[in-house]
Protein backbone atom coordinates (compact mmCIF):
# COMPACT_ATOMS: atom_id res chain seq x y z
CA MET A 1 -40.20 -0.17 31.29
CA THR A 2 -40.98 3.01 29.41
CA ASP A 3 -43.47 3.05 26.54
CA ASP A 4 -40.84 3.16 23.97
CA ARG A 5 -38.96 0.21 25.23
CA PRO A 6 -40.68 -2.51 23.20
CA THR A 7 -40.09 -0.47 20.19
CA ALA A 8 -36.32 -0.20 20.93
CA LEU A 9 -35.98 -3.93 21.48
CA THR A 10 -37.84 -4.69 18.16
CA ALA A 11 -35.61 -2.10 16.41
CA ALA A 12 -32.51 -3.67 17.66
CA ALA A 13 -33.54 -7.05 16.49
CA ASP A 14 -34.51 -5.80 13.18
CA ARG A 15 -31.13 -3.93 12.81
CA LEU A 16 -29.29 -7.23 13.40
CA ASP A 17 -31.52 -9.31 11.29
CA LEU A 18 -31.03 -6.92 8.43
CA ALA A 19 -27.24 -7.37 8.78
CA ARG A 20 -27.64 -11.13 8.80
CA GLN A 21 -29.95 -11.02 5.68
CA THR A 22 -27.90 -8.61 3.52
CA GLY A 23 -24.45 -9.59 4.67
CA GLU A 24 -23.67 -5.90 5.54
CA PRO A 25 -22.58 -5.23 9.10
CA CYS A 26 -24.70 -2.73 11.01
CA PRO A 27 -23.92 -0.06 13.70
CA PRO A 28 -23.91 -1.19 17.36
CA VAL A 29 -27.38 -1.58 19.00
CA ARG A 30 -26.25 -0.16 22.44
CA ASP A 31 -27.61 3.11 21.29
CA LEU A 32 -31.10 1.48 21.24
CA LEU A 33 -30.73 -0.59 24.32
CA GLY A 34 -28.46 1.31 26.73
CA VAL A 35 -24.89 0.69 27.24
CA GLY A 36 -25.23 -1.61 30.24
CA ASP A 37 -28.74 -3.13 29.93
CA VAL A 38 -27.73 -6.78 29.35
CA ALA A 39 -31.26 -7.96 30.33
CA ALA A 40 -32.62 -6.01 27.35
CA ALA A 41 -29.90 -7.57 25.20
CA TYR A 42 -31.10 -11.13 26.11
CA THR A 43 -34.55 -9.97 25.26
CA VAL A 44 -33.26 -9.03 21.72
CA GLN A 45 -31.55 -12.28 21.36
CA ARG A 46 -34.72 -14.17 22.42
CA ILE A 47 -36.74 -12.18 19.79
CA GLN A 48 -34.33 -13.26 17.05
CA THR A 49 -34.33 -16.78 18.23
CA GLU A 50 -38.10 -17.02 18.16
CA ARG A 51 -37.99 -15.53 14.58
CA GLN A 52 -35.49 -18.16 13.51
CA LEU A 53 -37.59 -20.94 14.95
CA ALA A 54 -40.45 -19.60 13.04
CA ILE A 55 -38.75 -20.20 9.75
CA GLY A 56 -37.74 -23.72 10.49
CA ARG A 57 -34.33 -23.54 12.29
CA ARG A 58 -33.89 -25.81 15.28
CA VAL A 59 -32.15 -25.13 18.55
CA VAL A 60 -29.34 -27.91 19.06
CA GLY A 61 -27.45 -26.43 22.03
CA ARG A 62 -25.75 -23.38 23.54
CA LYS A 63 -22.51 -21.60 23.18
CA ILE A 64 -20.70 -19.78 26.15
CA GLY A 65 -18.57 -16.64 25.54
CA LEU A 66 -16.56 -14.30 27.59
CA THR A 67 -14.92 -17.06 29.50
CA SER A 68 -11.62 -15.41 29.39
CA LYS A 69 -10.88 -13.04 32.60
CA VAL A 70 -9.07 -10.72 30.37
CA VAL A 71 -11.95 -10.26 27.82
CA GLN A 72 -14.34 -10.06 30.81
CA ALA A 73 -12.12 -7.19 32.16
CA GLN A 74 -12.16 -5.38 28.69
CA LEU A 75 -16.08 -5.47 28.43
CA GLY A 76 -16.49 -4.52 32.10
CA VAL A 77 -18.23 -7.90 33.14
CA ASN A 78 -17.44 -10.57 35.63
CA SER A 79 -19.33 -13.62 34.20
CA PRO A 80 -19.57 -15.28 30.91
CA ASP A 81 -22.56 -14.89 28.41
CA PHE A 82 -24.31 -17.30 26.10
CA GLY A 83 -25.99 -17.77 22.77
CA VAL A 84 -28.02 -20.26 20.91
CA LEU A 85 -26.68 -22.95 18.56
CA PHE A 86 -29.01 -23.78 15.60
CA ASP A 87 -28.88 -26.96 13.64
CA ASP A 88 -27.53 -25.33 10.41
CA MET A 89 -24.65 -23.74 12.33
CA ALA A 90 -22.99 -27.23 12.59
CA VAL A 91 -20.13 -27.75 9.94
CA PRO A 92 -18.65 -31.22 9.36
CA ASP A 93 -14.98 -31.60 10.39
CA GLY A 94 -12.83 -30.54 7.54
CA ALA A 95 -15.59 -29.16 5.30
CA GLU A 96 -15.26 -25.89 3.52
CA ILE A 97 -16.99 -22.77 4.74
CA PRO A 98 -18.34 -20.61 1.72
CA GLN A 99 -17.33 -17.02 1.67
CA GLY A 100 -19.91 -14.79 3.19
CA THR A 101 -21.36 -17.38 5.55
CA VAL A 102 -20.08 -15.66 8.68
CA LEU A 103 -19.62 -11.86 8.78
CA GLN A 104 -16.14 -10.82 10.00
CA PRO A 105 -15.19 -14.40 10.97
CA ARG A 106 -12.73 -15.32 13.72
CA VAL A 107 -11.89 -18.73 15.03
CA GLU A 108 -11.23 -20.21 18.47
CA ALA A 109 -10.59 -23.60 19.83
CA GLU A 110 -12.94 -25.08 22.45
CA VAL A 111 -14.03 -28.05 24.35
CA ALA A 112 -17.56 -29.15 23.41
CA LEU A 113 -19.89 -31.35 25.68
CA VAL A 114 -22.70 -33.43 24.24
CA LEU A 115 -25.29 -34.13 26.84
CA GLU A 116 -27.26 -37.47 27.36
CA ARG A 117 -29.44 -36.28 30.29
CA ASP A 118 -31.48 -33.17 30.98
CA LEU A 119 -29.99 -30.64 33.46
CA THR A 120 -33.10 -29.21 35.33
CA PHE A 121 -32.07 -28.83 38.84
CA GLU A 122 -32.45 -25.35 40.29
CA ARG A 123 -28.67 -25.56 41.28
CA HIS A 124 -26.37 -28.20 39.72
CA THR A 125 -23.20 -29.68 41.01
CA VAL A 126 -20.13 -30.74 38.94
CA ALA A 127 -21.25 -34.39 39.61
CA ASP A 128 -24.57 -33.65 38.11
CA LEU A 129 -22.90 -32.09 34.96
CA ILE A 130 -20.51 -35.09 34.58
CA ARG A 131 -23.26 -37.63 34.83
CA ALA A 132 -25.28 -35.80 32.22
CA THR A 133 -22.56 -35.53 29.66
CA ALA A 134 -22.31 -38.30 27.12
CA PHE A 135 -18.80 -37.36 25.82
CA ALA A 136 -16.46 -34.30 25.03
CA LEU A 137 -15.17 -33.26 21.69
CA PRO A 138 -12.55 -30.98 20.23
CA ALA A 139 -14.28 -27.93 18.60
CA ILE A 140 -13.65 -24.84 16.50
CA GLU A 141 -16.12 -22.06 16.92
CA VAL A 142 -16.37 -19.66 14.00
CA VAL A 143 -17.43 -16.45 15.72
CA GLY A 144 -18.77 -13.70 13.68
CA SER A 145 -20.23 -10.23 14.45
CA ARG A 146 -23.10 -8.40 12.61
CA ILE A 147 -21.72 -5.40 14.23
CA ARG A 148 -19.49 -3.14 11.98
CA ASP A 149 -15.90 -3.58 12.70
CA TRP A 150 -16.46 -5.67 15.78
CA ASP A 151 -17.36 -2.34 17.58
CA ILE A 152 -19.10 -4.17 20.48
CA ASN A 153 -19.60 -3.93 24.23
CA ILE A 154 -21.53 -6.61 26.39
CA VAL A 155 -24.85 -5.41 25.24
CA ASP A 156 -23.99 -5.62 21.45
CA THR A 157 -22.55 -9.11 21.67
CA VAL A 158 -25.33 -10.51 23.78
CA ALA A 159 -28.10 -9.03 21.52
CA ASP A 160 -26.15 -10.51 18.50
CA ASN A 161 -26.56 -14.08 19.77
CA ALA A 162 -23.09 -13.88 21.63
CA SER A 163 -21.52 -13.13 18.30
CA SER A 164 -22.27 -16.62 17.10
CA GLY A 165 -21.53 -17.81 13.69
CA LEU A 166 -20.66 -21.67 12.91
CA TYR A 167 -19.08 -24.43 14.86
CA VAL A 168 -17.19 -27.55 13.87
CA LEU A 169 -16.88 -30.74 16.12
CA GLY A 170 -13.92 -33.00 15.67
CA GLY A 171 -13.22 -36.28 17.51
CA PRO A 172 -12.88 -38.89 18.52
CA PRO A 173 -15.46 -38.70 21.36
CA ALA A 174 -13.91 -38.86 24.76
CA LEU A 175 -15.40 -39.74 28.18
CA LEU A 176 -14.88 -37.12 30.94
CA ARG A 177 -13.38 -39.73 33.13
CA ASP A 178 -10.52 -40.23 30.54
CA VAL A 179 -9.49 -36.56 30.16
CA ASP A 180 -8.29 -33.84 32.57
CA LEU A 181 -10.07 -30.83 30.82
CA ARG A 182 -8.39 -28.32 33.15
CA THR A 183 -4.90 -29.16 32.18
CA ALA A 184 -5.58 -30.28 28.64
CA GLY A 185 -3.34 -28.29 26.31
CA MET A 186 -4.46 -26.81 22.95
CA VAL A 187 -2.65 -25.77 19.94
CA MET A 188 -4.24 -24.19 16.85
CA GLU A 189 -2.53 -23.70 13.62
CA ARG A 190 -3.26 -21.96 10.31
CA ARG A 191 -1.80 -23.92 7.48
CA GLY A 192 0.86 -25.41 9.72
CA GLU A 193 1.79 -22.23 11.70
CA GLN A 194 0.84 -21.99 15.33
CA VAL A 195 -1.55 -18.89 15.85
CA SER A 196 -3.16 -19.91 19.22
CA ALA A 197 -2.29 -21.87 22.26
CA GLY A 198 -3.78 -22.42 25.64
CA ALA A 199 -5.35 -24.88 28.03
CA GLY A 200 -8.66 -25.88 29.72
CA ALA A 201 -7.83 -23.58 32.62
CA ALA A 202 -7.96 -20.52 30.32
CA CYS A 203 -11.84 -21.24 30.14
CA TRP A 204 -13.07 -19.77 33.43
CA GLY A 205 -10.70 -22.04 35.35
CA HIS A 206 -12.26 -25.18 33.89
CA PRO A 207 -14.55 -25.85 31.01
CA LEU A 208 -16.88 -27.55 33.44
CA ASN A 209 -17.19 -24.24 35.44
CA ALA A 210 -18.49 -22.46 32.40
CA ALA A 211 -20.92 -25.46 31.45
CA LEU A 212 -22.14 -25.48 35.16
CA TRP A 213 -22.83 -21.63 35.12
CA LEU A 214 -24.78 -22.18 31.84
CA ALA A 215 -26.85 -24.94 33.28
CA ASN A 216 -28.00 -22.96 36.28
CA VAL A 217 -28.65 -19.83 34.43
CA LEU A 218 -30.92 -21.52 31.77
CA VAL A 219 -32.98 -23.24 34.54
CA SER A 220 -33.57 -19.86 36.12
CA LEU A 221 -34.72 -18.69 32.67
CA GLY A 222 -37.17 -21.66 32.27
CA ASP A 223 -35.21 -23.06 29.34
CA PRO A 224 -32.82 -25.84 30.67
CA LEU A 225 -30.30 -27.83 28.85
CA ARG A 226 -31.75 -30.97 27.41
CA ALA A 227 -30.42 -34.40 26.40
CA GLY A 228 -28.76 -34.28 23.01
CA ASP A 229 -27.61 -30.51 23.42
CA THR A 230 -24.16 -29.50 22.35
CA VAL A 231 -22.39 -27.03 24.65
CA LEU A 232 -19.46 -25.05 23.49
CA THR A 233 -17.76 -24.13 26.64
CA GLY A 234 -15.66 -21.27 25.67
CA ALA A 235 -12.24 -20.46 24.21
CA LEU A 236 -9.00 -22.04 25.30
CA GLY A 237 -6.71 -19.62 23.71
CA PRO A 238 -6.71 -16.34 21.77
CA MET A 239 -9.28 -15.75 18.97
CA VAL A 240 -7.66 -15.67 15.53
CA THR A 241 -9.20 -13.65 12.50
CA ALA A 242 -10.04 -15.74 9.41
CA ALA A 243 -9.43 -14.81 5.82
CA PRO A 244 -10.52 -16.64 2.58
CA GLY A 245 -8.34 -19.57 1.90
CA ASP A 246 -7.29 -20.12 5.60
CA VAL A 247 -7.18 -23.68 6.88
CA PHE A 248 -7.21 -24.19 10.72
CA GLU A 249 -6.61 -27.16 12.70
CA ALA A 250 -6.80 -27.43 16.54
CA ARG A 251 -5.52 -30.22 18.72
CA ILE A 252 -6.67 -30.64 22.27
CA GLN A 253 -4.73 -33.01 24.55
CA GLY A 254 -6.85 -36.00 25.26
CA LEU A 255 -9.62 -35.03 22.77
CA GLY A 256 -8.00 -35.27 19.36
CA SER A 257 -8.33 -32.77 16.62
CA VAL A 258 -10.69 -30.70 14.52
CA ARG A 259 -10.19 -28.81 11.25
CA THR A 260 -12.03 -26.09 9.35
CA VAL A 261 -11.49 -24.54 5.87
CA PHE A 262 -12.48 -21.14 4.47
CA GLU A 263 -13.23 -21.04 0.73
CA GLY A 264 -10.57 -19.05 -1.21
CA THR A 265 -10.93 -15.74 -2.96
CA HIS A 266 -11.25 -17.40 -6.30
CA GLY A 267 -13.60 -20.40 -5.44
CA LYS A 268 -12.43 -23.63 -3.79
CA THR A 269 -9.50 -23.53 -1.39
CA GLU A 270 -6.33 -25.25 -2.67
CA GLU A 271 -6.37 -27.99 0.18
CA GLY A 272 -9.98 -28.47 -0.49
CA GLY A 273 -12.46 -29.49 2.22
């Protein structure tokens, strides 16, 4: 590491933090970190996480991104990425999201897993993951980018906490033995009009594949998944841009539905929250 490397890492974290605090998107951070230095990007993510913990936020799980082969090809990578879920990122099903809460918001439907056991083995099996999972839920992730105009590469999105924003969990809770996540179909609508569709297989072949990858990576980093953690496993269909007044509902076969509402331009959305 060169002498100026720590300064560059701090500068990247500061740039993203300023965007979060002011609500004004910033330029990409790859100019500070290097176009392909993913390790540096995760260091920036960790710096920001430590700052957020210091002001009282609590880690409640992880989100997995880049589970689509198409998106991986676009960014020149061959594996997913991950970010941190904080307690104040959880939005109740159907509740209204105030304007400005997430910068440049987009939504995607996902399968969420809630754990009841720690995942601390050096290498996990699918059976380990299934035994550790209490239940699965339908979820909408509201992703956002602190980077202006979503001008991101892999370094930018990883440093920016995997472009995380908020998440909404629906229901009812389902046991993994009662649902085939690979073939589970998903439809997401905006005010009744279909805007995204897919299935579990779109998430790196199976949502459990993505969760297994995450469990192993986090153990290697010394920060394993723990009982009580929520894991957003990745998008089941195309991401959709959200605008003020939008109402989204996603239904996942075998898991039920989940709904999120964006505050309208002039205050409360017509359909409420």
